[in-house]
Amino acid sequence: MTTWLKKNLEGDYQIWTVIAALSIISIVVVASASGRLAVQGDGNIFFLVIKHTIYMSVGLGAMWFFHRFDYHKFATFSNIGVFLSIGLLLYAYKFEHGVNNANRWIHLGGMTFMPSDIAKLSLITNLALMLAKRQHLEYSFTDILPMTAKIIAVCGCIALTNVSTSALLFATCFLLMFIGRVPSNFLFMTLAGIFMAGTVLVMTGTGSRIETARNRISNFTTGLMGKKDANAGKDTDYQIERSYYAIANGGFTGKGPGKSQQRYFLSESESDFIYAIIIEEWGMIGGLFVLCLYLWLLYRGMKAVDSSGRAFGGLLSAGLTFSLVIQAMVHMGVATGLGPVTGQPLPLLSMGGSSLLFTGAMIGIIISVSKDKVKDSVL
C-alpha cells in the first residue's frame, strides 16, 4: 500500500492529508445539510449524497491528473485563457439566464459551468508568468499596464454577475503582485484602476447583481451599528439570523452528526452556509478543526513556494493557495457575522459540480509545484 501511494500520490503528502480530511467531512456534512432539498422534493438524501460523492470523485480525479501534469505548460495557454474567459463571461452576462438574475453559468448540453472558474485559473497563471519574468528586472509603466489591464478587465466582467468573486480575485491578484515585488507606486495604480472601475459599475448599476451587492454591504454596515436597513432584502436578514441560531445551538461540542435543525431553514445550507451547519452539528471544536485545515493548506501551499526554485512555480502556487484560502475565510466570516453575505461556497466542502472540478485542478497544480526541486530558475 505504501509503495502504491508513493508511486501514485507524489508531492506534498501533508496537502494530500488535508484534502482527504476535507473530502470526508464534506460527504458527511452534505449528507446532513441536503436534508432541506429532500424535504422540498428536490431529491432524496441518498441520491443527493451519491451525486455529491460522484462530483467529489471527479474533483479528486482532476487533482490527481494535474498533480502529475507539468504545470509549466499552463504558462503557454494562460494568455489565451484570459481572453477566452472574458468572452465567456460577457456571453453569460448577455445571453444566459440564471437564478435571481445571476447569469453566472453557461449551459452546454446537459452540463453547466461557471466561466469565472476559468477566469480565476487563467488570470492567476498569467499574472504569475508575467511577474516571474520581471523578478530580476526593474518595473516600468509599460510592464505594469498589461497586468493591470487584464486584472481590471477580468474582475470587471466577473463583477457584472458576481461581485464577491470579483473582489476575492482582485484581492488574490493584489497579494500576488505584492509578493512578486511590484513597486508600491504601481500597486497603488492598480488599486486606483480597480476602484474607478468598481465605482463606475456601482454608480451606473451596470450588472445583474450590483444592486444586490450594494444592499448586502449596506445591510452589514448598518447592522454593525445595531440598525436595520429598510432597503436590504428580508431574505438576507433571515439567512444571517438562521446562521447565528445554528452556531448558537452548536455550542462547544455540537448537536451531533445529522441533528442540525437550521438545515431546514437556511436556503443554501448545503453550500453558502455549510460552515454554520458544521458548527451546529460539530460545535466550536469542529468549526476550529475545519479552520485549521484551511490554515494548514495555506501553510503547505506557501511551503511549496520555498521548495520550488522557479519563480513561476512559486508565484503560481502562492496565487492559487491565496485564492482557495481567502474564499474559505470569507465563507466562514459570513456565517459568523464578520462580513456581508457573499454567496461564496466553502472550497471542497460545499455541494457543487463544476466548482469541485476546478478546485481539484487548482490543488493539483499546487501539489505539482511542490514536486519541483529545480533551483534559481524563472520558469
Foldseek 3Di string as FASTA:
>chain_A
DVVVCPVQPDFDVLLVVLLVVLLVLQLLLLLQLCVQCVVVVVDHSVVLSVVLNVQLVLLLVLLSVLLPPQLVVLQVCLVVLLVVLLVVLVCQLPPNADPLSQSQWDDDPPDIDGSLLSNLLSLLLNLLLLLLVCLPHDDDPVSLVVNLVSLLSSLLSNCLRANVLSVLSSVLSLVLCVVSPDDPVSSVVSVVSNVVSLVVCLVVVHHSCSVLVVLLQVQLVVVVVVDGDPPHDPLQVQLLVLLVVLLVQLAAAAPARSPGDSSNVRPQCQWLRVLSNQCNHGNPVSSVVNLVSLVVLLVVLQVLLVQAQASSLNSLSNSLSSSLSVLQVVSVCSSVSNHGRRRGTRASNGRDHVSSNSNSNSSSSSSSSSNHRDRNHHD
